[in-house]
């Protein structure tokens, strides 16, 4: 079974690429989706977050108040580290469970969709190849502004808090460039890459 790590900055197009890999028959394990699951109402991270940061960071529906936490933690590195120390182990546990289920089911290829793969030494050691979805930062900003209510300054802070484009390019084994190209071209790129891994 081949384990591929899929990464890229916010707005790079990872979700689109992951969807094409899924269509080719890969099992996709989405770290962001798991993170949202554990921080939703009743999620495993809610009680530890409330204990660590206070009830003000839990919304009225019992989920993590993402906007408040994002605003507070992106300007406070120790706070962000404490939050990640709660969420990341839970994401790892759930990812390992899904990987085990996929392996038992005879999956030929697992794609781990992990935005912070380059920042995490642990993830790099778990995958056979790293696939980067790459685009210029200005393209990232335009895409995120178009799809969300985030202001440019906030998106720029998110980008600045993550690995740089050059760091990602250096860490990547395979690069899919996703700016100024059609969905059809991206699908062809994924088809070629997937074929190298038996999909």
N, C-alpha and C. Protein backbone atom coordinates (compact mmCIF):
# COMPACT_ATOMS: atom_id res chain seq x y z
N UNK A 1 0.84 -1.19 0.00
CA UNK A 1 0.00 0.00 0.00
C UNK A 1 0.88 1.25 0.00
N UNK A 2 0.56 2.18 -0.90
CA UNK A 2 1.32 3.41 -1.01
C UNK A 2 0.66 4.50 -0.17
N UNK A 3 1.48 5.25 0.57
CA UNK A 3 0.98 6.35 1.39
C UNK A 3 1.52 7.65 0.83
N UNK A 4 0.62 8.49 0.35
CA UNK A 4 1.01 9.77 -0.22
C UNK A 4 0.56 10.90 0.69
N UNK A 5 1.44 11.87 0.91
CA UNK A 5 1.09 13.06 1.67
C UNK A 5 0.75 14.18 0.71
N UNK A 6 -0.42 14.77 0.86
CA UNK A 6 -0.86 15.87 0.00
C UNK A 6 -0.90 17.14 0.84
N UNK A 7 -0.21 18.17 0.38
CA UNK A 7 -0.16 19.39 1.17
C UNK A 7 -0.17 20.62 0.28
N UNK A 8 -0.26 21.78 0.91
CA UNK A 8 -0.30 23.05 0.21
C UNK A 8 -0.89 24.09 1.13
N UNK A 9 -0.64 25.33 0.84
CA UNK A 9 -1.14 26.41 1.68
C UNK A 9 -2.64 26.62 1.54
N UNK A 10 -3.19 27.44 2.40
CA UNK A 10 -4.60 27.78 2.34
C UNK A 10 -4.93 28.34 0.95
N UNK A 11 -6.02 27.85 0.35
CA UNK A 11 -6.42 28.34 -0.96
C UNK A 11 -5.62 27.80 -2.13
N UNK A 12 -4.77 26.81 -1.89
CA UNK A 12 -3.94 26.28 -2.99
C UNK A 12 -4.71 25.34 -3.90
N UNK A 13 -5.76 24.72 -3.37
CA UNK A 13 -6.52 23.78 -4.19
C UNK A 13 -6.37 22.33 -3.78
N UNK A 14 -5.95 22.09 -2.54
CA UNK A 14 -5.77 20.70 -2.06
C UNK A 14 -7.07 19.89 -2.15
N UNK A 15 -8.18 20.52 -1.81
CA UNK A 15 -9.46 19.80 -1.81
C UNK A 15 -9.81 19.31 -3.21
N UNK A 16 -9.57 20.16 -4.20
CA UNK A 16 -9.82 19.77 -5.59
C UNK A 16 -8.95 18.59 -5.98
N UNK A 17 -7.67 18.67 -5.66
CA UNK A 17 -6.73 17.60 -6.01
C UNK A 17 -7.08 16.31 -5.27
N UNK A 18 -7.42 16.43 -3.99
CA UNK A 18 -7.81 15.26 -3.22
C UNK A 18 -9.03 14.58 -3.84
N UNK A 19 -9.97 15.39 -4.33
CA UNK A 19 -11.15 14.84 -4.97
C UNK A 19 -10.81 14.05 -6.22
N UNK A 20 -9.84 14.53 -6.99
CA UNK A 20 -9.42 13.80 -8.18
C UNK A 20 -8.73 12.48 -7.82
N UNK A 21 -7.93 12.50 -6.75
CA UNK A 21 -7.31 11.24 -6.30
C UNK A 21 -8.37 10.25 -5.84
N UNK A 22 -9.38 10.75 -5.12
CA UNK A 22 -10.47 9.88 -4.67
C UNK A 22 -11.18 9.26 -5.87
N UNK A 23 -11.40 10.06 -6.91
CA UNK A 23 -12.07 9.57 -8.11
C UNK A 23 -11.25 8.48 -8.81
N UNK A 24 -9.93 8.52 -8.61
CA UNK A 24 -9.06 7.50 -9.20
C UNK A 24 -8.99 6.23 -8.34
N UNK A 25 -9.63 6.26 -7.18
CA UNK A 25 -9.68 5.07 -6.34
C UNK A 25 -8.85 5.12 -5.08
N UNK A 26 -8.20 6.27 -4.82
CA UNK A 26 -7.41 6.40 -3.59
C UNK A 26 -8.33 6.61 -2.39
N UNK A 27 -7.90 6.16 -1.24
CA UNK A 27 -8.57 6.49 0.02
C UNK A 27 -7.98 7.80 0.52
N UNK A 28 -8.82 8.80 0.72
CA UNK A 28 -8.35 10.11 1.18
C UNK A 28 -8.68 10.28 2.66
N UNK A 29 -7.66 10.59 3.44
CA UNK A 29 -7.84 10.88 4.87
C UNK A 29 -7.51 12.36 5.06
N UNK A 30 -8.53 13.13 5.40
CA UNK A 30 -8.46 14.60 5.44
C UNK A 30 -8.23 15.07 6.88
N UNK A 31 -7.03 15.54 7.17
CA UNK A 31 -6.69 15.97 8.53
C UNK A 31 -7.54 17.16 8.96
N UNK A 32 -7.84 18.08 8.04
CA UNK A 32 -8.67 19.24 8.38
C UNK A 32 -10.08 18.81 8.77
N UNK A 33 -10.62 17.85 8.02
CA UNK A 33 -11.97 17.37 8.33
C UNK A 33 -12.01 16.72 9.71
N UNK A 34 -10.96 15.97 10.03
CA UNK A 34 -10.89 15.33 11.36
C UNK A 34 -10.77 16.40 12.44
N UNK A 35 -9.98 17.43 12.16
CA UNK A 35 -9.82 18.53 13.12
C UNK A 35 -11.16 19.22 13.38
N UNK A 36 -11.92 19.44 12.32
CA UNK A 36 -13.25 20.05 12.49
C UNK A 36 -14.17 19.13 13.30
N UNK A 37 -14.03 17.82 13.07
CA UNK A 37 -14.86 16.84 13.78
C UNK A 37 -14.58 16.87 15.28
N UNK A 38 -13.31 16.89 15.66
CA UNK A 38 -12.97 16.83 17.09
C UNK A 38 -13.23 18.15 17.80
N UNK A 39 -13.39 19.26 17.02
CA UNK A 39 -13.68 20.56 17.63
C UNK A 39 -15.14 20.97 17.43
N UNK A 40 -15.96 20.07 16.88
CA UNK A 40 -17.39 20.32 16.77
C UNK A 40 -18.05 20.07 18.12
N UNK A 41 -19.31 20.43 18.24
CA UNK A 41 -20.04 20.19 19.48
C UNK A 41 -19.98 18.71 19.84
N UNK A 42 -19.56 18.42 21.07
CA UNK A 42 -19.43 17.03 21.50
C UNK A 42 -18.13 16.37 21.08
N UNK A 43 -17.27 17.10 20.37
CA UNK A 43 -16.00 16.54 19.91
C UNK A 43 -15.03 16.33 21.05
N UNK A 44 -14.07 15.45 20.82
CA UNK A 44 -13.13 15.06 21.87
C UNK A 44 -12.24 16.20 22.35
N UNK A 45 -12.07 17.23 21.52
CA UNK A 45 -11.18 18.33 21.90
C UNK A 45 -11.88 19.41 22.71
N UNK A 46 -13.20 19.42 22.74
CA UNK A 46 -13.93 20.55 23.34
C UNK A 46 -13.63 20.72 24.83
N UNK A 47 -13.73 19.65 25.61
CA UNK A 47 -13.49 19.76 27.04
C UNK A 47 -12.04 20.18 27.36
N UNK A 48 -11.04 19.56 26.73
CA UNK A 48 -9.65 20.01 26.98
C UNK A 48 -9.42 21.47 26.58
N UNK A 49 -10.06 21.92 25.49
CA UNK A 49 -9.91 23.32 25.06
C UNK A 49 -10.54 24.25 26.09
N UNK A 50 -11.72 23.90 26.57
CA UNK A 50 -12.38 24.72 27.59
C UNK A 50 -11.55 24.81 28.86
N UNK A 51 -10.94 23.70 29.24
CA UNK A 51 -10.11 23.69 30.44
C UNK A 51 -8.84 24.52 30.25
N UNK A 52 -8.26 24.45 29.06
CA UNK A 52 -6.99 25.13 28.81
C UNK A 52 -7.16 26.63 28.57
N UNK A 53 -8.26 27.02 27.91
CA UNK A 53 -8.40 28.41 27.48
C UNK A 53 -9.62 29.13 28.04
N UNK A 54 -10.54 28.38 28.62
CA UNK A 54 -11.74 29.01 29.18
C UNK A 54 -12.96 28.82 28.29
N UNK A 55 -14.12 28.94 28.90
CA UNK A 55 -15.38 28.70 28.20
C UNK A 55 -15.66 29.75 27.13
N UNK A 56 -14.98 30.89 27.18
CA UNK A 56 -15.20 31.94 26.17
C UNK A 56 -14.86 31.47 24.77
N UNK A 57 -14.02 30.44 24.68
CA UNK A 57 -13.62 29.94 23.36
C UNK A 57 -14.52 28.83 22.84
N UNK A 58 -15.58 28.54 23.58
CA UNK A 58 -16.58 27.57 23.14
C UNK A 58 -17.85 28.34 22.79
N UNK A 59 -18.37 28.14 21.60
CA UNK A 59 -19.54 28.88 21.14
C UNK A 59 -20.81 28.38 21.84
N UNK A 60 -21.91 29.09 21.62
CA UNK A 60 -23.16 28.75 22.29
C UNK A 60 -23.69 27.37 21.91
N UNK A 61 -23.28 26.88 20.73
CA UNK A 61 -23.74 25.54 20.31
C UNK A 61 -22.81 24.43 20.78
N UNK A 62 -21.78 24.79 21.55
CA UNK A 62 -20.90 23.77 22.12
C UNK A 62 -19.69 23.43 21.29
N UNK A 63 -19.48 24.12 20.18
CA UNK A 63 -18.31 23.88 19.32
C UNK A 63 -17.22 24.90 19.61
N UNK A 64 -16.03 24.65 19.11
CA UNK A 64 -14.95 25.63 19.22
C UNK A 64 -15.35 26.90 18.47
N UNK A 65 -15.16 28.03 19.12
CA UNK A 65 -15.39 29.32 18.45
C UNK A 65 -14.14 29.59 17.61
N UNK A 66 -14.19 29.18 16.37
CA UNK A 66 -12.99 29.22 15.51
C UNK A 66 -12.52 30.65 15.25
N UNK A 67 -13.44 31.56 15.03
CA UNK A 67 -13.04 32.94 14.75
C UNK A 67 -12.31 33.55 15.94
N UNK A 68 -12.86 33.35 17.14
CA UNK A 68 -12.23 33.90 18.34
C UNK A 68 -10.86 33.25 18.58
N UNK A 69 -10.81 31.92 18.42
CA UNK A 69 -9.54 31.22 18.65
C UNK A 69 -8.50 31.62 17.61
N UNK A 70 -8.93 31.76 16.36
CA UNK A 70 -7.99 32.15 15.30
C UNK A 70 -7.41 33.52 15.60
N UNK A 71 -8.26 34.45 15.97
CA UNK A 71 -7.82 35.82 16.25
C UNK A 71 -6.84 35.85 17.42
N UNK A 72 -7.12 35.05 18.45
CA UNK A 72 -6.27 35.05 19.64
C UNK A 72 -4.97 34.30 19.42
N UNK A 73 -5.03 33.16 18.76
CA UNK A 73 -3.86 32.28 18.71
C UNK A 73 -2.85 32.66 17.64
N UNK A 74 -3.29 33.29 16.55
CA UNK A 74 -2.33 33.62 15.50
C UNK A 74 -1.37 34.72 15.92
N UNK A 75 -1.71 35.47 16.95
CA UNK A 75 -0.80 36.50 17.45
C UNK A 75 -0.11 36.04 18.74
N UNK A 76 -0.30 34.78 19.09
CA UNK A 76 0.23 34.25 20.35
C UNK A 76 0.76 32.84 20.10
N UNK A 77 2.05 32.75 19.79
CA UNK A 77 2.64 31.46 19.42
C UNK A 77 2.52 30.40 20.53
N UNK A 78 2.76 30.73 21.80
CA UNK A 78 2.58 29.71 22.85
C UNK A 78 1.14 29.21 22.95
N UNK A 79 0.18 30.11 22.75
CA UNK A 79 -1.22 29.71 22.79
C UNK A 79 -1.54 28.76 21.64
N UNK A 80 -1.04 29.08 20.45
CA UNK A 80 -1.25 28.20 19.29
C UNK A 80 -0.63 26.83 19.53
N UNK A 81 0.55 26.82 20.13
CA UNK A 81 1.22 25.55 20.42
C UNK A 81 0.40 24.71 21.41
N UNK A 82 -0.20 25.37 22.40
CA UNK A 82 -1.04 24.65 23.37
C UNK A 82 -2.28 24.07 22.69
N UNK A 83 -2.88 24.86 21.79
CA UNK A 83 -4.04 24.38 21.06
C UNK A 83 -3.68 23.17 20.19
N UNK A 84 -2.56 23.29 19.48
CA UNK A 84 -2.13 22.18 18.62
C UNK A 84 -1.81 20.93 19.43
N UNK A 85 -1.30 21.13 20.65
CA UNK A 85 -0.97 19.98 21.50
C UNK A 85 -2.23 19.22 21.93
N UNK A 86 -3.36 19.89 21.89
CA UNK A 86 -4.64 19.23 22.18
C UNK A 86 -5.19 18.55 20.93
N UNK A 87 -5.21 19.30 19.82
CA UNK A 87 -5.89 18.82 18.62
C UNK A 87 -5.08 17.80 17.83
N UNK A 88 -3.78 18.03 17.65
CA UNK A 88 -2.99 17.18 16.77
C UNK A 88 -2.95 15.71 17.20
N UNK A 89 -2.79 15.40 18.48
CA UNK A 89 -2.81 13.97 18.85
C UNK A 89 -4.16 13.30 18.54
N UNK A 90 -5.24 14.04 18.69
CA UNK A 90 -6.56 13.49 18.37
C UNK A 90 -6.69 13.24 16.87
N UNK A 91 -6.18 14.16 16.07
CA UNK A 91 -6.19 13.99 14.62
C UNK A 91 -5.33 12.78 14.23
N UNK A 92 -4.19 12.64 14.89
CA UNK A 92 -3.31 11.49 14.61
C UNK A 92 -3.99 10.17 14.94
N UNK A 93 -4.66 10.12 16.08
CA UNK A 93 -5.34 8.89 16.48
C UNK A 93 -6.42 8.50 15.48
N UNK A 94 -7.23 9.47 15.07
CA UNK A 94 -8.31 9.18 14.13
C UNK A 94 -7.74 8.82 12.75
N UNK A 95 -6.67 9.50 12.33
CA UNK A 95 -6.03 9.18 11.06
C UNK A 95 -5.51 7.75 11.06
N UNK A 96 -4.89 7.35 12.18
CA UNK A 96 -4.35 5.99 12.28
C UNK A 96 -5.47 4.96 12.22
N UNK A 97 -6.59 5.27 12.84
CA UNK A 97 -7.73 4.36 12.80
C UNK A 97 -8.26 4.21 11.38
N UNK A 98 -8.41 5.33 10.67
CA UNK A 98 -8.89 5.28 9.29
C UNK A 98 -7.89 4.58 8.37
N UNK A 99 -6.60 4.80 8.62
CA UNK A 99 -5.56 4.12 7.84
C UNK A 99 -5.63 2.61 8.05
N UNK A 100 -5.82 2.20 9.31
CA UNK A 100 -5.92 0.77 9.62
C UNK A 100 -7.12 0.15 8.93
N UNK A 101 -8.24 0.85 8.93
CA UNK A 101 -9.44 0.34 8.28
C UNK A 101 -9.24 0.23 6.77
N UNK A 102 -8.58 1.24 6.18
CA UNK A 102 -8.33 1.21 4.74
C UNK A 102 -7.39 0.06 4.37
N UNK A 103 -6.36 -0.12 5.19
CA UNK A 103 -5.41 -1.21 4.94
C UNK A 103 -6.10 -2.57 5.03
N UNK A 104 -6.94 -2.74 6.05
CA UNK A 104 -7.67 -4.00 6.22
C UNK A 104 -8.62 -4.24 5.06
N UNK A 105 -9.10 -3.16 4.46
CA UNK A 105 -10.01 -3.27 3.33
C UNK A 105 -9.32 -3.45 2.00
N UNK A 106 -7.99 -3.52 2.01
CA UNK A 106 -7.24 -3.77 0.78
C UNK A 106 -6.94 -2.55 -0.05
N UNK A 107 -6.94 -1.37 0.56
CA UNK A 107 -6.67 -0.14 -0.19
C UNK A 107 -5.27 -0.20 -0.82
N UNK A 108 -5.17 0.23 -2.07
CA UNK A 108 -3.88 0.24 -2.75
C UNK A 108 -3.11 1.52 -2.48
N UNK A 109 -3.84 2.60 -2.18
CA UNK A 109 -3.20 3.90 -1.99
C UNK A 109 -4.01 4.74 -1.02
N UNK A 110 -3.32 5.33 -0.05
CA UNK A 110 -3.95 6.27 0.86
C UNK A 110 -3.32 7.65 0.63
N UNK A 111 -4.17 8.65 0.48
CA UNK A 111 -3.71 10.04 0.36
C UNK A 111 -4.05 10.75 1.66
N UNK A 112 -3.03 11.19 2.37
CA UNK A 112 -3.23 11.96 3.60
C UNK A 112 -3.21 13.44 3.23
N UNK A 113 -4.37 14.08 3.32
CA UNK A 113 -4.50 15.50 3.01
C UNK A 113 -4.17 16.27 4.29
N UNK A 114 -2.96 16.84 4.35
CA UNK A 114 -2.46 17.45 5.59
C UNK A 114 -1.90 18.85 5.28
N UNK A 115 -2.62 19.91 5.61
CA UNK A 115 -2.13 21.26 5.33
C UNK A 115 -0.76 21.55 5.96
N UNK A 116 -0.52 21.06 7.18
CA UNK A 116 0.72 21.38 7.89
C UNK A 116 1.73 20.23 7.81
N UNK A 117 1.70 19.48 6.74
CA UNK A 117 2.61 18.32 6.61
C UNK A 117 4.08 18.74 6.67
N UNK A 118 4.42 19.81 5.99
CA UNK A 118 5.82 20.24 5.95
C UNK A 118 6.30 20.69 7.33
N UNK A 119 5.38 21.29 8.11
CA UNK A 119 5.74 21.76 9.44
C UNK A 119 5.89 20.61 10.44
N UNK A 120 5.36 19.45 10.10
CA UNK A 120 5.34 18.31 11.02
C UNK A 120 6.31 17.22 10.58
N UNK A 121 7.34 16.99 11.36
CA UNK A 121 8.29 15.91 11.04
C UNK A 121 7.60 14.55 11.10
N UNK A 122 6.64 14.42 12.00
CA UNK A 122 5.96 13.14 12.17
C UNK A 122 5.24 12.72 10.88
N UNK A 123 4.54 13.66 10.25
CA UNK A 123 3.80 13.32 9.04
C UNK A 123 4.74 12.93 7.91
N UNK A 124 5.85 13.64 7.80
CA UNK A 124 6.79 13.34 6.69
C UNK A 124 7.30 11.91 6.79
N UNK A 125 7.45 11.42 8.01
CA UNK A 125 7.95 10.06 8.21
C UNK A 125 6.89 9.00 7.93
N UNK A 126 5.62 9.41 7.89
CA UNK A 126 4.54 8.45 7.69
C UNK A 126 4.23 8.18 6.22
N UNK A 127 4.69 9.06 5.32
CA UNK A 127 4.29 8.94 3.92
C UNK A 127 5.48 8.58 3.03
N UNK A 128 5.17 7.96 1.90
CA UNK A 128 6.20 7.55 0.95
C UNK A 128 6.62 8.68 0.03
N UNK A 129 5.68 9.54 -0.32
CA UNK A 129 5.95 10.68 -1.18
C UNK A 129 5.12 11.88 -0.71
N UNK A 130 5.67 13.07 -0.92
CA UNK A 130 4.95 14.30 -0.60
C UNK A 130 4.56 14.98 -1.91
N UNK A 131 3.24 15.22 -2.06
CA UNK A 131 2.72 15.92 -3.23
C UNK A 131 2.29 17.31 -2.78
N UNK A 132 2.83 18.32 -3.43
CA UNK A 132 2.52 19.71 -3.10
C UNK A 132 1.61 20.30 -4.17
N UNK A 133 0.52 20.93 -3.73
CA UNK A 133 -0.31 21.74 -4.61
C UNK A 133 0.18 23.18 -4.44
N UNK A 134 0.78 23.72 -5.48
CA UNK A 134 1.51 24.98 -5.38
C UNK A 134 0.84 26.09 -6.20
N UNK A 135 0.88 27.30 -5.63
CA UNK A 135 0.46 28.49 -6.38
C UNK A 135 1.04 29.71 -5.67
N UNK A 136 1.12 30.85 -6.35
CA UNK A 136 1.62 32.07 -5.70
C UNK A 136 0.71 32.51 -4.57
N UNK A 137 1.28 33.21 -3.59
CA UNK A 137 0.51 33.63 -2.43
C UNK A 137 -0.64 34.56 -2.81
N UNK A 138 -0.45 35.40 -3.82
CA UNK A 138 -1.52 36.31 -4.22
C UNK A 138 -2.74 35.54 -4.73
N UNK A 139 -2.49 34.42 -5.40
CA UNK A 139 -3.59 33.57 -5.86
C UNK A 139 -4.31 32.95 -4.66
N UNK A 140 -3.54 32.51 -3.67
CA UNK A 140 -4.15 31.98 -2.45
C UNK A 140 -5.08 33.02 -1.82
N UNK A 141 -4.58 34.24 -1.67
CA UNK A 141 -5.35 35.30 -1.03
C UNK A 141 -6.64 35.57 -1.79
N UNK A 142 -6.55 35.67 -3.11
CA UNK A 142 -7.74 35.95 -3.92
C UNK A 142 -8.77 34.85 -3.78
N UNK A 143 -8.33 33.60 -3.78
CA UNK A 143 -9.26 32.48 -3.66
C UNK A 143 -9.95 32.46 -2.30
N UNK A 144 -9.18 32.67 -1.25
CA UNK A 144 -9.77 32.60 0.09
C UNK A 144 -10.72 33.77 0.32
N UNK A 145 -10.37 34.95 -0.17
CA UNK A 145 -11.26 36.10 -0.05
C UNK A 145 -12.57 35.86 -0.80
N UNK A 146 -12.50 35.18 -1.93
CA UNK A 146 -13.70 34.92 -2.74
C UNK A 146 -14.63 33.91 -2.08
N UNK A 147 -14.06 32.99 -1.28
CA UNK A 147 -14.89 31.92 -0.73
C UNK A 147 -15.25 32.12 0.74
N UNK A 148 -14.65 33.09 1.40
CA UNK A 148 -14.89 33.25 2.83
C UNK A 148 -15.01 34.72 3.20
N UNK A 149 -15.35 34.96 4.45
CA UNK A 149 -15.50 36.33 4.94
C UNK A 149 -14.21 36.87 5.54
N UNK A 150 -13.11 36.15 5.39
CA UNK A 150 -11.86 36.60 5.99
C UNK A 150 -11.30 37.81 5.26
N UNK A 151 -10.77 38.75 6.02
CA UNK A 151 -10.13 39.93 5.44
C UNK A 151 -8.74 39.56 4.92
N UNK A 152 -8.25 40.37 3.97
CA UNK A 152 -6.92 40.12 3.40
C UNK A 152 -5.85 40.02 4.49
N UNK A 153 -5.91 40.92 5.47
CA UNK A 153 -4.88 40.93 6.53
C UNK A 153 -4.88 39.63 7.31
N UNK A 154 -6.07 39.10 7.55
CA UNK A 154 -6.15 37.84 8.31
C UNK A 154 -5.62 36.68 7.48
N UNK A 155 -5.92 36.66 6.20
CA UNK A 155 -5.41 35.61 5.32
C UNK A 155 -3.88 35.69 5.24
N UNK A 156 -3.37 36.91 5.15
CA UNK A 156 -1.91 37.10 5.11
C UNK A 156 -1.26 36.59 6.39
N UNK A 157 -1.93 36.79 7.53
CA UNK A 157 -1.38 36.28 8.80
C UNK A 157 -1.36 34.75 8.80
N UNK A 158 -2.42 34.14 8.27
CA UNK A 158 -2.46 32.68 8.20
C UNK A 158 -1.32 32.16 7.33
N UNK A 159 -1.14 32.77 6.16
CA UNK A 159 -0.07 32.35 5.25
C UNK A 159 1.29 32.51 5.92
N UNK A 160 1.48 33.64 6.62
CA UNK A 160 2.76 33.90 7.28
C UNK A 160 3.04 32.92 8.40
N UNK A 161 1.99 32.36 9.00
CA UNK A 161 2.17 31.44 10.13
C UNK A 161 2.51 30.02 9.66
N UNK A 162 2.35 29.76 8.37
CA UNK A 162 2.61 28.42 7.84
C UNK A 162 3.97 28.38 7.16
N UNK A 163 4.37 27.19 6.74
CA UNK A 163 5.63 27.05 6.01
C UNK A 163 5.59 27.93 4.77
N UNK A 164 6.74 28.44 4.39
CA UNK A 164 6.80 29.30 3.21
C UNK A 164 6.67 28.46 1.94
N UNK A 165 6.39 29.15 0.86
CA UNK A 165 6.29 28.44 -0.43
C UNK A 165 7.60 27.72 -0.76
N UNK A 166 8.72 28.37 -0.52
CA UNK A 166 10.02 27.76 -0.83
C UNK A 166 10.27 26.53 0.06
N UNK A 167 9.86 26.60 1.31
CA UNK A 167 10.02 25.44 2.20
C UNK A 167 9.19 24.26 1.71
N UNK A 168 7.97 24.53 1.28
CA UNK A 168 7.12 23.46 0.76
C UNK A 168 7.72 22.86 -0.52
N UNK A 169 8.18 23.73 -1.42
CA UNK A 169 8.76 23.24 -2.66
C UNK A 169 9.99 22.38 -2.39
N UNK A 170 10.77 22.78 -1.41
CA UNK A 170 11.97 22.01 -1.05
C UNK A 170 11.60 20.64 -0.50
N UNK A 171 10.49 20.57 0.23
CA UNK A 171 10.09 19.31 0.87
C UNK A 171 9.34 18.37 -0.07
N UNK A 172 8.86 18.88 -1.20
CA UNK A 172 7.98 18.10 -2.07
C UNK A 172 8.75 17.15 -2.97
N UNK A 173 8.16 15.98 -3.18
CA UNK A 173 8.67 15.03 -4.18
C UNK A 173 8.01 15.27 -5.52
N UNK A 174 6.74 15.71 -5.48
CA UNK A 174 5.95 15.94 -6.69
C UNK A 174 5.21 17.26 -6.50
N UNK A 175 5.17 18.09 -7.55
CA UNK A 175 4.49 19.39 -7.47
C UNK A 175 3.40 19.47 -8.53
N UNK A 176 2.21 19.85 -8.10
CA UNK A 176 1.11 20.16 -9.01
C UNK A 176 0.90 21.67 -8.95
N UNK A 177 1.18 22.36 -10.05
CA UNK A 177 1.03 23.82 -10.07
C UNK A 177 -0.41 24.15 -10.40
N UNK A 178 -1.06 24.92 -9.52
CA UNK A 178 -2.48 25.19 -9.66
C UNK A 178 -2.76 26.69 -9.67
N UNK A 179 -2.33 27.32 -10.74
CA UNK A 179 -2.64 28.74 -10.95
C UNK A 179 -2.68 28.97 -12.46
N UNK A 180 -3.78 29.53 -12.93
CA UNK A 180 -3.90 29.81 -14.36
C UNK A 180 -4.06 28.56 -15.21
N UNK A 181 -4.48 27.46 -14.59
CA UNK A 181 -4.71 26.22 -15.33
C UNK A 181 -6.16 25.76 -15.07
N UNK A 182 -6.68 24.95 -15.97
CA UNK A 182 -8.05 24.49 -15.86
C UNK A 182 -8.16 23.29 -14.91
N UNK A 183 -9.39 23.04 -14.46
CA UNK A 183 -9.65 21.83 -13.67
C UNK A 183 -9.29 20.59 -14.47
N UNK A 184 -9.54 20.66 -15.76
CA UNK A 184 -9.23 19.50 -16.62
C UNK A 184 -7.73 19.20 -16.62
N UNK A 185 -6.91 20.26 -16.64
CA UNK A 185 -5.47 20.05 -16.60
C UNK A 185 -5.02 19.47 -15.26
N UNK A 186 -5.62 19.96 -14.17
CA UNK A 186 -5.30 19.41 -12.86
C UNK A 186 -5.69 17.93 -12.80
N UNK A 187 -6.85 17.61 -13.35
CA UNK A 187 -7.30 16.21 -13.38
C UNK A 187 -6.32 15.34 -14.16
N UNK A 188 -5.79 15.86 -15.28
CA UNK A 188 -4.80 15.12 -16.06
C UNK A 188 -3.50 14.93 -15.28
N UNK A 189 -3.09 15.98 -14.56
CA UNK A 189 -1.89 15.88 -13.73
C UNK A 189 -2.06 14.78 -12.68
N UNK A 190 -3.22 14.77 -12.02
CA UNK A 190 -3.48 13.75 -10.99
C UNK A 190 -3.52 12.37 -11.63
N UNK A 191 -4.12 12.28 -12.81
CA UNK A 191 -4.20 10.98 -13.49
C UNK A 191 -2.81 10.42 -13.77
N UNK A 192 -1.90 11.28 -14.20
CA UNK A 192 -0.53 10.85 -14.49
C UNK A 192 0.18 10.41 -13.20
N UNK A 193 0.02 11.20 -12.16
CA UNK A 193 0.67 10.86 -10.89
C UNK A 193 0.07 9.58 -10.31
N UNK A 194 -1.25 9.49 -10.32
CA UNK A 194 -1.92 8.30 -9.78
C UNK A 194 -1.49 7.04 -10.51
N UNK A 195 -1.29 7.16 -11.82
CA UNK A 195 -0.86 6.01 -12.60
C UNK A 195 0.50 5.47 -12.17
N UNK A 196 1.35 6.35 -11.67
CA UNK A 196 2.66 5.92 -11.18
C UNK A 196 2.55 5.07 -9.93
N UNK A 197 1.41 5.20 -9.25
CA UNK A 197 1.22 4.47 -8.00
C UNK A 197 0.12 3.41 -8.10
N UNK A 198 -0.15 3.00 -9.35
CA UNK A 198 -1.05 1.88 -9.56
C UNK A 198 -2.52 2.19 -9.51
N UNK A 199 -2.89 3.47 -9.65
CA UNK A 199 -4.31 3.84 -9.62
C UNK A 199 -4.82 4.13 -11.03
